[in-house]
N, C-alpha and C. Protein backbone atom coordinates (compact mmCIF):
# COMPACT_ATOMS: atom_id res chain seq x y z
N MET A 1 0.92 -1.38 -0.05
CA MET A 1 0.17 -0.08 0.09
C MET A 1 0.84 1.04 0.11
N GLU A 2 2.09 1.02 0.62
CA GLU A 2 2.76 2.21 0.65
C GLU A 2 3.57 2.50 -0.87
N GLY A 3 3.76 1.40 -1.60
CA GLY A 3 4.13 1.57 -2.86
C GLY A 3 3.06 2.18 -3.61
N LEU A 4 1.68 1.79 -3.57
CA LEU A 4 0.62 2.36 -4.26
C LEU A 4 0.59 3.85 -3.92
N ALA A 5 0.89 4.22 -2.59
CA ALA A 5 0.62 5.76 -2.41
C ALA A 5 1.72 6.51 -3.09
N TYR A 6 2.82 6.07 -3.18
CA TYR A 6 4.16 6.38 -3.85
C TYR A 6 3.79 7.08 -5.05
N LYS A 7 2.74 6.79 -5.80
CA LYS A 7 2.25 7.23 -6.99
C LYS A 7 1.81 8.77 -6.99
N ILE A 8 1.29 9.17 -5.57
CA ILE A 8 0.81 10.35 -5.33
C ILE A 8 2.15 11.20 -5.09
N LYS A 9 2.33 12.59 -5.53
CA LYS A 9 3.11 13.48 -4.90
C LYS A 9 2.07 14.68 -4.55
N LYS A 10 2.40 15.00 -3.24
CA LYS A 10 1.72 16.45 -2.84
C LYS A 10 2.44 16.66 -1.90
N ASP A 11 2.05 18.34 -1.52
CA ASP A 11 3.19 19.04 -0.60
C ASP A 11 2.69 18.85 0.95
N ASP A 12 0.97 18.86 1.18
CA ASP A 12 0.49 18.53 2.52
C ASP A 12 -0.70 17.38 2.18
N GLY A 13 -1.35 17.21 3.37
CA GLY A 13 -2.36 16.52 3.50
C GLY A 13 -2.18 14.80 3.54
N ILE A 14 -3.02 14.14 3.58
CA ILE A 14 -2.77 12.59 3.53
C ILE A 14 -3.43 11.90 2.18
N ILE A 15 -2.45 10.71 2.03
CA ILE A 15 -2.62 10.04 0.88
C ILE A 15 -3.28 8.71 1.53
N CYS A 16 -4.33 8.17 1.02
CA CYS A 16 -4.91 7.16 1.32
C CYS A 16 -5.00 6.09 0.20
N SER A 17 -4.29 4.86 0.55
CA SER A 17 -4.42 3.85 -0.37
C SER A 17 -5.66 2.70 0.04
N LEU A 18 -6.29 2.30 -1.05
CA LEU A 18 -7.59 1.45 -0.81
C LEU A 18 -7.74 0.50 -1.34
N ILE A 19 -7.33 -0.76 -1.20
CA ILE A 19 -7.49 -1.88 -2.42
C ILE A 19 -8.70 -2.44 -2.12
N ASP A 20 -9.42 -2.78 -2.95
CA ASP A 20 -10.71 -3.51 -2.72
C ASP A 20 -10.51 -5.09 -2.64
N ALA A 21 -11.14 -5.64 -1.48
CA ALA A 21 -11.16 -7.05 -1.21
C ALA A 21 -11.98 -7.76 -1.51
N ASN A 22 -12.88 -7.44 -2.24
CA ASN A 22 -14.51 -7.78 -2.42
C ASN A 22 -15.54 -7.98 -1.49
N ASN A 23 -16.50 -8.11 -1.54
CA ASN A 23 -17.53 -8.16 -0.62
C ASN A 23 -17.47 -6.99 0.34
N HIS A 24 -17.46 -5.78 0.12
CA HIS A 24 -17.46 -4.69 0.74
C HIS A 24 -16.47 -4.28 1.56
N GLN A 25 -15.30 -5.32 1.48
CA GLN A 25 -13.82 -5.06 2.15
C GLN A 25 -12.97 -4.39 1.16
N VAL A 26 -12.22 -3.79 2.30
CA VAL A 26 -10.98 -2.89 1.55
C VAL A 26 -9.63 -3.20 2.52
N TYR A 27 -8.60 -3.24 2.09
CA TYR A 27 -7.46 -2.85 2.42
C TYR A 27 -6.95 -1.38 2.53
N CYS A 28 -6.63 -0.92 3.75
CA CYS A 28 -6.47 0.66 3.72
C CYS A 28 -4.95 0.78 4.30
N GLY A 29 -4.15 1.96 3.59
CA GLY A 29 -2.98 2.24 4.24
C GLY A 29 -2.96 4.18 4.06
N ILE A 30 -2.87 4.62 5.29
CA ILE A 30 -3.01 6.03 5.38
C ILE A 30 -1.51 6.59 5.80
N PHE A 31 -1.28 7.68 4.79
CA PHE A 31 0.02 8.14 4.83
C PHE A 31 0.09 9.57 4.80
N ASP A 32 1.43 10.20 5.22
CA ASP A 32 1.57 11.53 5.26
C ASP A 32 2.44 12.09 3.76
N ASN A 33 2.37 13.04 3.56
CA ASN A 33 2.93 13.28 2.05
C ASN A 33 4.44 13.05 2.00
N ASN A 34 4.86 12.15 3.09
CA ASN A 34 6.50 11.81 3.27
C ASN A 34 6.30 10.45 3.00
N TYR A 35 5.10 9.35 2.90
CA TYR A 35 4.78 8.26 2.91
C TYR A 35 4.99 7.43 4.32
N ASN A 36 4.92 8.30 5.24
CA ASN A 36 4.94 7.64 6.29
C ASN A 36 3.64 7.41 6.88
N LEU A 37 3.53 6.01 7.50
CA LEU A 37 2.45 5.65 8.06
C LEU A 37 1.26 6.48 8.94
N VAL A 38 0.38 6.92 9.11
CA VAL A 38 0.04 7.89 10.23
C VAL A 38 -1.35 7.10 10.89
N ASN A 39 -1.61 5.90 10.42
CA ASN A 39 -2.70 5.07 11.08
C ASN A 39 -2.27 3.44 10.82
N GLU A 40 -2.73 2.59 11.57
CA GLU A 40 -2.39 1.32 11.63
C GLU A 40 -3.07 0.85 10.28
N TYR A 41 -2.33 -0.26 9.56
CA TYR A 41 -3.32 -0.71 8.26
C TYR A 41 -4.49 -1.36 8.64
N ILE A 42 -5.41 -1.20 7.45
CA ILE A 42 -6.72 -1.55 8.19
C ILE A 42 -7.00 -2.48 7.22
N ALA A 43 -7.74 -3.72 7.36
CA ALA A 43 -8.62 -4.72 6.69
C ALA A 43 -10.09 -4.96 7.33
N ASP A 44 -10.73 -4.07 6.56
CA ASP A 44 -12.02 -4.00 6.88
C ASP A 44 -13.19 -3.48 6.31
N ASP A 45 -14.47 -3.76 6.58
CA ASP A 45 -15.51 -3.33 5.61
C ASP A 45 -15.52 -1.77 5.46
N ILE A 46 -15.87 -1.49 4.26
CA ILE A 46 -15.59 -0.04 3.85
C ILE A 46 -16.28 1.08 4.68
N ASP A 47 -17.60 0.72 5.39
CA ASP A 47 -17.85 1.78 6.39
C ASP A 47 -17.23 1.92 7.49
N ASN A 48 -16.62 0.65 7.85
CA ASN A 48 -15.76 1.07 9.17
C ASN A 48 -14.60 1.69 8.87
N VAL A 49 -14.07 1.82 7.56
CA VAL A 49 -12.73 2.27 7.30
C VAL A 49 -13.35 3.83 7.05
N SER A 50 -14.50 4.18 6.38
CA SER A 50 -14.96 5.61 6.14
C SER A 50 -14.64 6.40 7.47
N THR A 51 -15.25 5.73 8.65
CA THR A 51 -15.48 6.17 9.81
C THR A 51 -13.89 6.42 10.27
N VAL A 52 -12.98 5.59 9.95
CA VAL A 52 -11.59 6.32 10.41
C VAL A 52 -11.10 7.41 9.71
N LEU A 53 -11.56 7.35 8.30
CA LEU A 53 -11.06 8.57 7.34
C LEU A 53 -11.59 9.59 7.67
N GLU A 54 -12.80 9.79 8.34
CA GLU A 54 -13.21 11.08 8.80
C GLU A 54 -12.69 11.99 9.71
N LYS A 55 -11.70 11.55 10.43
CA LYS A 55 -10.85 12.27 11.19
C LYS A 55 -9.58 13.09 10.40
N PHE A 56 -9.52 12.64 9.33
CA PHE A 56 -8.75 13.04 8.34
C PHE A 56 -9.07 14.11 7.51
N SER A 57 -8.39 15.19 7.02
CA SER A 57 -8.69 16.07 5.86
C SER A 57 -7.60 16.09 4.84
N ASN A 58 -8.07 16.76 3.53
CA ASN A 58 -6.95 16.76 2.50
C ASN A 58 -6.75 15.43 1.88
N ILE A 59 -7.66 14.62 1.84
CA ILE A 59 -7.14 13.44 1.44
C ILE A 59 -7.13 13.03 0.09
N THR A 60 -6.05 12.58 -0.59
CA THR A 60 -5.90 12.27 -1.90
C THR A 60 -6.16 10.40 -2.16
N PHE A 61 -7.03 10.07 -2.60
CA PHE A 61 -7.28 8.40 -2.49
C PHE A 61 -6.42 7.95 -3.86
N VAL A 62 -5.96 6.77 -3.74
CA VAL A 62 -5.43 5.84 -4.84
C VAL A 62 -5.80 4.39 -4.50
N GLY A 63 -6.15 3.84 -5.63
CA GLY A 63 -6.46 2.32 -5.62
C GLY A 63 -8.00 2.15 -5.78
N ASP A 64 -8.22 1.02 -6.41
CA ASP A 64 -9.49 0.45 -6.71
C ASP A 64 -10.97 0.38 -5.84
N GLY A 65 -10.17 0.62 -4.58
CA GLY A 65 -11.05 0.42 -3.49
C GLY A 65 -11.89 1.70 -3.41
N ALA A 66 -11.00 2.91 -3.47
CA ALA A 66 -11.72 4.32 -3.61
C ALA A 66 -12.65 4.45 -4.74
N TYR A 67 -12.20 3.97 -5.99
CA TYR A 67 -12.97 4.19 -7.12
C TYR A 67 -14.42 3.34 -6.65
N ASN A 68 -14.11 2.30 -6.30
CA ASN A 68 -15.31 1.27 -6.35
C ASN A 68 -16.40 1.54 -5.40
N TYR A 69 -16.14 1.66 -4.24
CA TYR A 69 -16.72 2.06 -2.89
C TYR A 69 -17.18 3.24 -2.62
N LEU A 70 -16.02 4.47 -2.78
CA LEU A 70 -16.18 5.58 -2.39
C LEU A 70 -16.67 6.44 -3.47
N ASN A 71 -16.73 6.07 -4.77
CA ASN A 71 -17.27 6.60 -5.84
C ASN A 71 -16.40 8.10 -5.96
N LYS A 72 -15.12 7.87 -6.07
CA LYS A 72 -13.89 8.59 -6.24
C LYS A 72 -13.50 8.48 -7.43
N THR A 73 -14.04 9.07 -8.60
CA THR A 73 -14.17 8.97 -9.68
C THR A 73 -12.45 9.36 -10.00
N ASP A 74 -11.95 10.76 -9.42
CA ASP A 74 -10.79 11.04 -9.79
C ASP A 74 -9.73 10.67 -8.95
N CYS A 75 -9.93 9.24 -8.06
CA CYS A 75 -8.73 8.81 -7.69
C CYS A 75 -8.04 8.17 -8.85
N ILE A 76 -6.65 7.75 -8.44
CA ILE A 76 -5.96 6.85 -9.56
C ILE A 76 -6.07 5.33 -9.11
N SER A 77 -6.64 4.68 -9.87
CA SER A 77 -6.93 3.23 -9.69
C SER A 77 -6.19 2.37 -9.96
N THR A 78 -5.17 2.76 -10.91
CA THR A 78 -3.97 1.52 -11.39
C THR A 78 -2.76 2.37 -11.25
N PHE A 79 -1.95 1.34 -11.05
CA PHE A 79 -0.55 1.91 -10.94
C PHE A 79 0.64 0.76 -11.79
N LEU A 80 1.53 1.42 -11.91
CA LEU A 80 2.75 0.37 -13.04
C LEU A 80 3.62 -0.18 -12.09
N ALA A 81 3.97 -1.42 -12.39
CA ALA A 81 4.97 -2.02 -11.80
C ALA A 81 6.34 -1.28 -11.41
N SER A 82 6.64 -0.57 -12.52
CA SER A 82 7.69 0.51 -12.44
C SER A 82 7.52 1.57 -11.52
N GLN A 83 6.35 2.03 -10.95
CA GLN A 83 6.20 3.05 -9.66
C GLN A 83 7.02 2.15 -8.57
N ILE A 84 6.48 0.98 -8.46
CA ILE A 84 6.80 0.22 -7.28
C ILE A 84 8.44 -0.29 -7.10
N GLY A 85 9.13 -0.15 -8.52
CA GLY A 85 10.48 -0.54 -8.54
C GLY A 85 11.17 1.12 -8.30
N LEU A 86 10.39 2.18 -8.58
CA LEU A 86 11.04 3.62 -8.40
C LEU A 86 10.84 3.74 -6.52
N PHE A 87 10.04 3.45 -6.13
CA PHE A 87 9.70 3.14 -4.92
C PHE A 87 10.68 2.46 -3.88
N GLY A 88 10.96 1.30 -4.44
CA GLY A 88 11.97 0.51 -3.77
C GLY A 88 13.46 0.98 -3.93
N TYR A 89 13.48 1.77 -5.10
CA TYR A 89 15.11 2.24 -5.51
C TYR A 89 15.14 3.46 -4.45
N GLU A 90 14.34 4.20 -4.34
CA GLU A 90 14.30 5.56 -3.44
C GLU A 90 14.49 4.93 -2.13
N LYS A 91 13.92 3.84 -1.46
CA LYS A 91 13.98 3.31 -0.04
C LYS A 91 15.54 2.99 -0.05
N TYR A 92 15.99 2.17 -1.01
CA TYR A 92 17.46 1.72 -1.20
C TYR A 92 18.33 2.99 -0.97
N LEU A 93 18.07 4.06 -2.09
CA LEU A 93 19.08 5.14 -1.99
C LEU A 93 19.26 5.65 -0.56
N ASN A 94 18.21 5.48 0.42
CA ASN A 94 17.88 6.07 1.90
C ASN A 94 18.55 5.13 2.80
N GLY A 95 19.14 4.06 2.42
CA GLY A 95 19.34 2.86 3.07
C GLY A 95 18.53 2.14 3.98
N ILE A 96 17.25 2.05 3.32
CA ILE A 96 16.23 1.30 3.71
C ILE A 96 16.00 0.05 2.77
N HIS A 97 16.61 -0.94 3.52
CA HIS A 97 16.37 -2.36 2.33
C HIS A 97 16.30 -3.36 3.10
N GLU A 98 15.86 -4.58 2.41
CA GLU A 98 15.44 -6.02 2.99
C GLU A 98 16.25 -7.13 2.03
N TYR A 99 16.41 -8.00 2.71
CA TYR A 99 16.78 -8.94 1.86
C TYR A 99 15.79 -9.95 1.30
N ALA A 100 15.83 -10.37 0.10
CA ALA A 100 14.47 -11.50 -0.11
C ALA A 100 14.11 -12.52 0.78
N ASP A 101 15.19 -12.97 1.46
CA ASP A 101 15.07 -14.27 2.27
C ASP A 101 14.67 -13.81 3.84
N THR A 102 14.75 -12.49 3.94
CA THR A 102 13.74 -12.04 5.10
C THR A 102 12.66 -11.30 5.49
N ILE A 103 12.05 -11.21 4.12
CA ILE A 103 10.94 -10.52 3.93
C ILE A 103 9.70 -11.43 3.91
N THR A 104 8.77 -10.83 4.95
CA THR A 104 7.65 -11.77 5.47
C THR A 104 6.56 -10.99 5.10
N PRO A 105 5.35 -11.68 4.79
CA PRO A 105 4.30 -11.09 4.30
C PRO A 105 3.57 -10.42 5.60
N LEU A 106 2.81 -9.33 5.56
CA LEU A 106 1.81 -8.69 6.56
C LEU A 106 0.41 -8.92 6.30
N TYR A 107 0.02 -10.23 7.10
CA TYR A 107 -1.41 -10.50 6.81
C TYR A 107 -2.19 -9.68 7.59
N LEU A 108 -3.18 -8.90 6.96
CA LEU A 108 -4.09 -7.97 8.03
C LEU A 108 -5.05 -8.52 8.50
N ARG A 109 -5.27 -9.80 8.13
CA ARG A 109 -6.55 -10.56 8.54
C ARG A 109 -6.61 -12.06 8.01
N VAL A 110 -6.92 -13.07 8.72
CA VAL A 110 -7.05 -14.49 8.31
C VAL A 110 -8.17 -14.44 7.12
N SER A 111 -7.51 -15.43 6.41
CA SER A 111 -8.38 -15.38 5.11
C SER A 111 -9.78 -15.71 5.49
N GLN A 112 -10.55 -15.79 4.23
CA GLN A 112 -12.25 -16.03 4.41
C GLN A 112 -12.40 -17.48 4.91
N ALA A 113 -11.79 -18.25 3.76
CA ALA A 113 -11.74 -19.80 4.43
C ALA A 113 -11.51 -19.87 5.92
N GLU A 114 -10.48 -19.37 6.48
CA GLU A 114 -10.10 -19.91 7.87
C GLU A 114 -11.33 -19.18 8.65
N ARG A 115 -11.61 -17.77 8.31
CA ARG A 115 -12.84 -17.21 9.25
C ARG A 115 -13.99 -18.31 9.44
N MET A 116 -14.34 -18.83 8.20
CA MET A 116 -15.75 -19.83 7.69
C MET A 116 -15.29 -21.04 8.76
N ARG A 117 -13.98 -21.63 8.67
CA ARG A 117 -13.56 -22.84 9.49
C ARG A 117 -13.95 -22.39 11.26
N GLN A 118 -13.47 -21.18 11.14
CA GLN A 118 -13.43 -20.95 12.88
C GLN A 118 -14.80 -20.58 13.30
N GLN A 119 -15.75 -20.20 12.31
CA GLN A 119 -17.35 -19.95 12.78
C GLN A 119 -17.69 -21.41 12.51
N ASN A 120 -17.60 -22.23 11.83
CA ASN A 120 -17.99 -23.63 11.79
C ASN A 120 -17.53 -24.40 13.02
N ASP A 121 -16.28 -24.09 13.80
CA ASP A 121 -15.95 -24.90 14.87
C ASP A 121 -16.72 -24.08 16.07
N SER A 122 -16.84 -22.92 16.06
CA SER A 122 -17.30 -22.38 17.30
C SER A 122 -19.17 -22.71 17.14
N ASN A 123 -19.89 -23.09 16.02
CA ASN A 123 -21.02 -23.68 16.03
C ASN A 123 -21.32 -25.15 16.50
N SER A 124 -19.87 -25.91 16.26
CA SER A 124 -20.08 -27.22 16.50
C SER A 124 -20.30 -27.73 18.22
């Protein structure tokens, strides 16, 4: 989501990356104009995410979640792999880097299949 936000250049305000996770669910990252995370990553229903977003002003949206659920037709809903590469290169130049064998995914929530299994287990 940080790489997606990198597409936006602005002097002030907030950048919100929203990725459509289907079923009215989104992944959300909220960043300042220097791409610093200003709120924990969110994986939730768009209505709950909208409530969190109400405390921010001057928001620029990027991602298909904003386009699909917030009717933000002026948001940028696509990005290029080259932008992610430039984002990574800039991080590298600033001394921020990881090795491929040390990178681990950040799961914001358990999968739908896992949630359904947990629900079935609790109903048994």
